[in-house]
Amino acid sequence: MSDASKTRGRFMVLLALEHGPKHGYEVARYLEDASGGYFSLSFGALYPVLHRLEKDKLVSAHWQDAGALRKKKVYALTPRGLAALHQERDDYEAFTLAFARLLGRVA
């Protein structure tokens, strides 16, 4: 995964968790549904992002019973993760505005 893809993946996961705790499948499903199918993270790409966010203390995780001797790991934004999301959102908005200007869509 390229550096740009890693950064984009991190931002997308933070966005997905902004709306409440989710387990990995829910994060992937949210991103695909909310983007109209444009963004899709494979589980092979998603879980390293989640683990890195947890290591960096941007998300917290806990195991939740899923019935029939199964458990799922649920991830939630920490206050530090919410601050990182706000910063990344500002950065992406500036980035997209600059591209809109380059494309002649904004004066």
N, C-alpha and C. Protein backbone atom coordinates (compact mmCIF):
# COMPACT_ATOMS: atom_id res chain seq x y z
N MET A 1 0.86 -1.18 0.00
CA MET A 1 0.00 0.00 0.00
C MET A 1 0.90 1.24 0.00
N SER A 2 0.64 2.19 -0.89
CA SER A 2 1.44 3.41 -0.97
C SER A 2 1.17 4.31 0.23
N ASP A 3 2.06 5.29 0.42
CA ASP A 3 1.86 6.24 1.52
C ASP A 3 0.54 6.98 1.38
N ALA A 4 0.20 7.39 0.14
CA ALA A 4 -1.06 8.09 -0.09
C ALA A 4 -2.24 7.19 0.24
N SER A 5 -2.15 5.92 -0.12
CA SER A 5 -3.24 4.98 0.19
C SER A 5 -3.36 4.75 1.69
N LYS A 6 -2.23 4.69 2.38
CA LYS A 6 -2.27 4.52 3.84
C LYS A 6 -2.94 5.71 4.50
N THR A 7 -2.57 6.91 4.05
CA THR A 7 -3.16 8.13 4.62
C THR A 7 -4.65 8.19 4.33
N ARG A 8 -5.02 7.87 3.10
CA ARG A 8 -6.44 7.88 2.73
C ARG A 8 -7.21 6.83 3.53
N GLY A 9 -6.62 5.64 3.68
CA GLY A 9 -7.27 4.58 4.46
C GLY A 9 -7.47 4.99 5.90
N ARG A 10 -6.48 5.62 6.48
CA ARG A 10 -6.58 6.10 7.87
C ARG A 10 -7.72 7.11 8.00
N PHE A 11 -7.77 8.07 7.08
CA PHE A 11 -8.81 9.09 7.11
C PHE A 11 -10.19 8.47 6.95
N MET A 12 -10.33 7.53 6.03
CA MET A 12 -11.63 6.90 5.80
C MET A 12 -12.10 6.12 7.03
N VAL A 13 -11.18 5.42 7.69
CA VAL A 13 -11.56 4.67 8.89
C VAL A 13 -11.96 5.62 10.01
N LEU A 14 -11.22 6.71 10.18
CA LEU A 14 -11.60 7.69 11.20
C LEU A 14 -12.99 8.26 10.89
N LEU A 15 -13.26 8.54 9.61
CA LEU A 15 -14.59 9.03 9.23
C LEU A 15 -15.68 8.02 9.57
N ALA A 16 -15.43 6.77 9.29
CA ALA A 16 -16.43 5.72 9.58
C ALA A 16 -16.72 5.64 11.07
N LEU A 17 -15.70 5.80 11.89
CA LEU A 17 -15.88 5.68 13.34
C LEU A 17 -16.44 6.95 13.97
N GLU A 18 -16.47 8.02 13.22
CA GLU A 18 -17.04 9.27 13.74
C GLU A 18 -18.50 9.08 14.13
N HIS A 19 -19.16 8.18 13.47
CA HIS A 19 -20.60 7.98 13.70
C HIS A 19 -20.89 6.89 14.72
N GLY A 20 -19.87 6.47 15.45
CA GLY A 20 -20.07 5.50 16.51
C GLY A 20 -19.18 4.27 16.33
N PRO A 21 -19.06 3.47 17.40
CA PRO A 21 -18.21 2.29 17.37
C PRO A 21 -18.67 1.29 16.31
N LYS A 22 -17.70 0.60 15.71
CA LYS A 22 -17.99 -0.41 14.69
C LYS A 22 -16.94 -1.50 14.74
N HIS A 23 -17.32 -2.71 14.34
CA HIS A 23 -16.32 -3.75 14.15
C HIS A 23 -15.85 -3.67 12.71
N GLY A 24 -14.80 -4.40 12.38
CA GLY A 24 -14.16 -4.27 11.07
C GLY A 24 -15.10 -4.38 9.89
N TYR A 25 -15.97 -5.39 9.90
CA TYR A 25 -16.90 -5.56 8.78
C TYR A 25 -17.81 -4.34 8.65
N GLU A 26 -18.26 -3.79 9.77
CA GLU A 26 -19.13 -2.61 9.73
C GLU A 26 -18.39 -1.40 9.17
N VAL A 27 -17.11 -1.26 9.50
CA VAL A 27 -16.31 -0.16 8.96
C VAL A 27 -16.25 -0.29 7.44
N ALA A 28 -15.88 -1.47 6.96
CA ALA A 28 -15.77 -1.70 5.52
C ALA A 28 -17.11 -1.45 4.82
N ARG A 29 -18.17 -1.95 5.41
CA ARG A 29 -19.51 -1.79 4.82
C ARG A 29 -19.93 -0.32 4.79
N TYR A 30 -19.68 0.39 5.88
CA TYR A 30 -20.02 1.81 5.95
C TYR A 30 -19.31 2.59 4.84
N LEU A 31 -18.00 2.35 4.68
CA LEU A 31 -17.23 3.09 3.68
C LEU A 31 -17.76 2.83 2.26
N GLU A 32 -18.07 1.59 2.00
CA GLU A 32 -18.59 1.25 0.67
C GLU A 32 -19.98 1.86 0.45
N ASP A 33 -20.86 1.72 1.43
CA ASP A 33 -22.22 2.24 1.31
C ASP A 33 -22.24 3.77 1.24
N ALA A 34 -21.50 4.43 2.13
CA ALA A 34 -21.52 5.89 2.21
C ALA A 34 -20.89 6.53 0.97
N SER A 35 -19.98 5.83 0.31
CA SER A 35 -19.33 6.39 -0.89
C SER A 35 -20.01 5.93 -2.17
N GLY A 36 -21.15 5.29 -2.05
CA GLY A 36 -21.84 4.80 -3.25
C GLY A 36 -21.03 3.74 -3.98
N GLY A 37 -20.21 3.01 -3.25
CA GLY A 37 -19.40 1.95 -3.83
C GLY A 37 -18.06 2.41 -4.37
N TYR A 38 -17.78 3.70 -4.29
CA TYR A 38 -16.52 4.23 -4.83
C TYR A 38 -15.32 3.75 -4.02
N PHE A 39 -15.45 3.75 -2.69
CA PHE A 39 -14.35 3.31 -1.84
C PHE A 39 -14.66 1.94 -1.27
N SER A 40 -13.66 1.10 -1.34
CA SER A 40 -13.78 -0.25 -0.79
C SER A 40 -12.42 -0.63 -0.22
N LEU A 41 -12.40 -1.01 1.04
CA LEU A 41 -11.16 -1.47 1.66
C LEU A 41 -11.27 -2.97 1.87
N SER A 42 -10.30 -3.70 1.35
CA SER A 42 -10.27 -5.14 1.61
C SER A 42 -9.93 -5.33 3.09
N PHE A 43 -10.28 -6.48 3.62
CA PHE A 43 -9.95 -6.74 5.01
C PHE A 43 -8.43 -6.79 5.20
N GLY A 44 -7.71 -7.20 4.17
CA GLY A 44 -6.25 -7.22 4.23
C GLY A 44 -5.65 -5.84 4.33
N ALA A 45 -6.38 -4.82 3.86
CA ALA A 45 -5.92 -3.44 3.99
C ALA A 45 -6.52 -2.78 5.23
N LEU A 46 -7.75 -3.13 5.57
CA LEU A 46 -8.46 -2.49 6.67
C LEU A 46 -7.86 -2.82 8.04
N TYR A 47 -7.61 -4.08 8.32
CA TYR A 47 -7.18 -4.44 9.66
C TYR A 47 -5.81 -3.87 10.04
N PRO A 48 -4.84 -3.80 9.13
CA PRO A 48 -3.60 -3.11 9.50
C PRO A 48 -3.82 -1.63 9.85
N VAL A 49 -4.76 -0.99 9.16
CA VAL A 49 -5.08 0.41 9.47
C VAL A 49 -5.68 0.49 10.87
N LEU A 50 -6.65 -0.37 11.17
CA LEU A 50 -7.27 -0.38 12.50
C LEU A 50 -6.23 -0.66 13.59
N HIS A 51 -5.35 -1.61 13.35
CA HIS A 51 -4.33 -1.94 14.35
C HIS A 51 -3.36 -0.77 14.56
N ARG A 52 -3.01 -0.09 13.48
CA ARG A 52 -2.11 1.07 13.59
C ARG A 52 -2.80 2.20 14.36
N LEU A 53 -4.08 2.44 14.06
CA LEU A 53 -4.84 3.48 14.77
C LEU A 53 -4.93 3.15 16.26
N GLU A 54 -5.11 1.88 16.57
CA GLU A 54 -5.17 1.45 17.97
C GLU A 54 -3.80 1.66 18.64
N LYS A 55 -2.75 1.27 17.95
CA LYS A 55 -1.39 1.45 18.50
C LYS A 55 -1.09 2.92 18.74
N ASP A 56 -1.56 3.79 17.84
CA ASP A 56 -1.34 5.23 17.96
C ASP A 56 -2.33 5.91 18.91
N LYS A 57 -3.20 5.11 19.52
CA LYS A 57 -4.18 5.59 20.49
C LYS A 57 -5.20 6.56 19.89
N LEU A 58 -5.47 6.38 18.59
CA LEU A 58 -6.51 7.17 17.93
C LEU A 58 -7.85 6.45 18.00
N VAL A 59 -7.80 5.14 18.21
CA VAL A 59 -9.02 4.36 18.46
C VAL A 59 -8.76 3.46 19.65
N SER A 60 -9.85 3.11 20.31
CA SER A 60 -9.79 2.10 21.36
C SER A 60 -10.56 0.89 20.84
N ALA A 61 -10.29 -0.26 21.42
CA ALA A 61 -10.97 -1.47 20.97
C ALA A 61 -11.33 -2.33 22.16
N HIS A 62 -12.44 -3.03 22.02
CA HIS A 62 -12.83 -4.01 23.04
C HIS A 62 -13.56 -5.16 22.36
N TRP A 63 -13.52 -6.31 23.01
CA TRP A 63 -14.19 -7.49 22.47
C TRP A 63 -15.64 -7.49 22.93
N GLN A 64 -16.51 -7.82 22.00
CA GLN A 64 -17.95 -7.84 22.27
C GLN A 64 -18.50 -9.21 21.87
N ASP A 65 -19.37 -9.77 22.72
CA ASP A 65 -19.98 -11.06 22.39
C ASP A 65 -20.82 -10.93 21.13
N ALA A 66 -20.68 -11.92 20.26
CA ALA A 66 -21.46 -11.96 19.03
C ALA A 66 -22.31 -13.23 18.99
N GLY A 67 -22.45 -13.89 20.13
CA GLY A 67 -23.26 -15.08 20.22
C GLY A 67 -22.52 -16.33 19.78
N ALA A 68 -23.03 -17.46 20.22
CA ALA A 68 -22.52 -18.78 19.83
C ALA A 68 -20.99 -18.88 19.92
N LEU A 69 -20.46 -18.51 21.09
CA LEU A 69 -19.03 -18.61 21.37
C LEU A 69 -18.16 -17.74 20.47
N ARG A 70 -18.75 -16.73 19.85
CA ARG A 70 -18.00 -15.83 18.97
C ARG A 70 -17.89 -14.47 19.61
N LYS A 71 -16.82 -13.80 19.29
CA LYS A 71 -16.61 -12.42 19.74
C LYS A 71 -16.15 -11.61 18.55
N LYS A 72 -16.44 -10.32 18.59
CA LYS A 72 -15.93 -9.42 17.55
C LYS A 72 -15.28 -8.23 18.24
N LYS A 73 -14.25 -7.71 17.61
CA LYS A 73 -13.53 -6.58 18.16
C LYS A 73 -14.19 -5.31 17.64
N VAL A 74 -14.60 -4.45 18.56
CA VAL A 74 -15.29 -3.21 18.21
C VAL A 74 -14.34 -2.04 18.46
N TYR A 75 -14.28 -1.14 17.49
CA TYR A 75 -13.37 0.00 17.54
C TYR A 75 -14.17 1.29 17.72
N ALA A 76 -13.60 2.23 18.47
CA ALA A 76 -14.23 3.54 18.70
C ALA A 76 -13.16 4.61 18.70
N LEU A 77 -13.54 5.80 18.27
CA LEU A 77 -12.60 6.93 18.30
C LEU A 77 -12.30 7.32 19.74
N THR A 78 -11.06 7.66 20.00
CA THR A 78 -10.68 8.26 21.27
C THR A 78 -10.73 9.78 21.08
N PRO A 79 -10.64 10.56 22.15
CA PRO A 79 -10.56 12.02 21.97
C PRO A 79 -9.40 12.42 21.06
N ARG A 80 -8.28 11.74 21.18
CA ARG A 80 -7.13 12.00 20.31
C ARG A 80 -7.47 11.67 18.85
N GLY A 81 -8.22 10.59 18.64
CA GLY A 81 -8.64 10.21 17.30
C GLY A 81 -9.60 11.21 16.69
N LEU A 82 -10.49 11.75 17.52
CA LEU A 82 -11.44 12.76 17.04
C LEU A 82 -10.69 14.02 16.62
N ALA A 83 -9.67 14.42 17.40
CA ALA A 83 -8.86 15.58 17.04
C ALA A 83 -8.11 15.32 15.73
N ALA A 84 -7.58 14.11 15.56
CA ALA A 84 -6.88 13.76 14.32
C ALA A 84 -7.84 13.79 13.14
N LEU A 85 -9.06 13.31 13.35
CA LEU A 85 -10.08 13.34 12.29
C LEU A 85 -10.37 14.78 11.87
N HIS A 86 -10.55 15.66 12.83
CA HIS A 86 -10.84 17.07 12.50
C HIS A 86 -9.69 17.69 11.71
N GLN A 87 -8.44 17.39 12.09
CA GLN A 87 -7.28 17.92 11.37
C GLN A 87 -7.23 17.36 9.94
N GLU A 88 -7.44 16.05 9.83
CA GLU A 88 -7.39 15.44 8.49
C GLU A 88 -8.54 15.93 7.61
N ARG A 89 -9.70 16.16 8.21
CA ARG A 89 -10.83 16.69 7.43
C ARG A 89 -10.46 18.08 6.89
N ASP A 90 -9.88 18.93 7.72
CA ASP A 90 -9.45 20.26 7.27
C ASP A 90 -8.44 20.14 6.14
N ASP A 91 -7.48 19.23 6.28
CA ASP A 91 -6.46 19.03 5.25
C ASP A 91 -7.09 18.57 3.94
N TYR A 92 -8.01 17.61 4.00
CA TYR A 92 -8.66 17.11 2.78
C TYR A 92 -9.53 18.18 2.13
N GLU A 93 -10.20 18.98 2.94
CA GLU A 93 -11.03 20.05 2.36
C GLU A 93 -10.15 21.07 1.63
N ALA A 94 -9.00 21.41 2.20
CA ALA A 94 -8.07 22.32 1.52
C ALA A 94 -7.53 21.69 0.24
N PHE A 95 -7.23 20.41 0.30
CA PHE A 95 -6.72 19.66 -0.85
C PHE A 95 -7.75 19.63 -1.99
N THR A 96 -9.00 19.31 -1.66
CA THR A 96 -10.02 19.23 -2.70
C THR A 96 -10.36 20.61 -3.26
N LEU A 97 -10.31 21.64 -2.44
CA LEU A 97 -10.53 23.00 -2.93
C LEU A 97 -9.43 23.40 -3.91
N ALA A 98 -8.19 23.05 -3.60
CA ALA A 98 -7.08 23.36 -4.50
C ALA A 98 -7.26 22.65 -5.84
N PHE A 99 -7.70 21.39 -5.81
CA PHE A 99 -7.95 20.68 -7.07
C PHE A 99 -9.12 21.28 -7.82
N ALA A 100 -10.15 21.68 -7.12
CA ALA A 100 -11.30 22.32 -7.78
C ALA A 100 -10.85 23.58 -8.50
N ARG A 101 -9.95 24.32 -7.88
CA ARG A 101 -9.41 25.52 -8.53
C ARG A 101 -8.61 25.15 -9.78
N LEU A 102 -7.78 24.12 -9.67
CA LEU A 102 -7.00 23.67 -10.82
C LEU A 102 -7.91 23.22 -11.98
N LEU A 103 -9.02 22.63 -11.63
CA LEU A 103 -9.96 22.13 -12.65
C LEU A 103 -10.88 23.23 -13.17
N GLY A 104 -10.75 24.44 -12.61
CA GLY A 104 -11.57 25.54 -13.05
C GLY A 104 -13.00 25.50 -12.55
N ARG A 105 -13.24 24.78 -11.48
CA ARG A 105 -14.59 24.66 -10.92
C ARG A 105 -14.87 25.67 -9.83
N VAL A 106 -13.83 26.34 -9.35
CA VAL A 106 -13.96 27.36 -8.31
C VAL A 106 -13.10 28.54 -8.74
N ALA A 107 -13.66 29.74 -8.56
CA ALA A 107 -12.91 30.93 -8.94
C ALA A 107 -11.85 31.28 -7.93
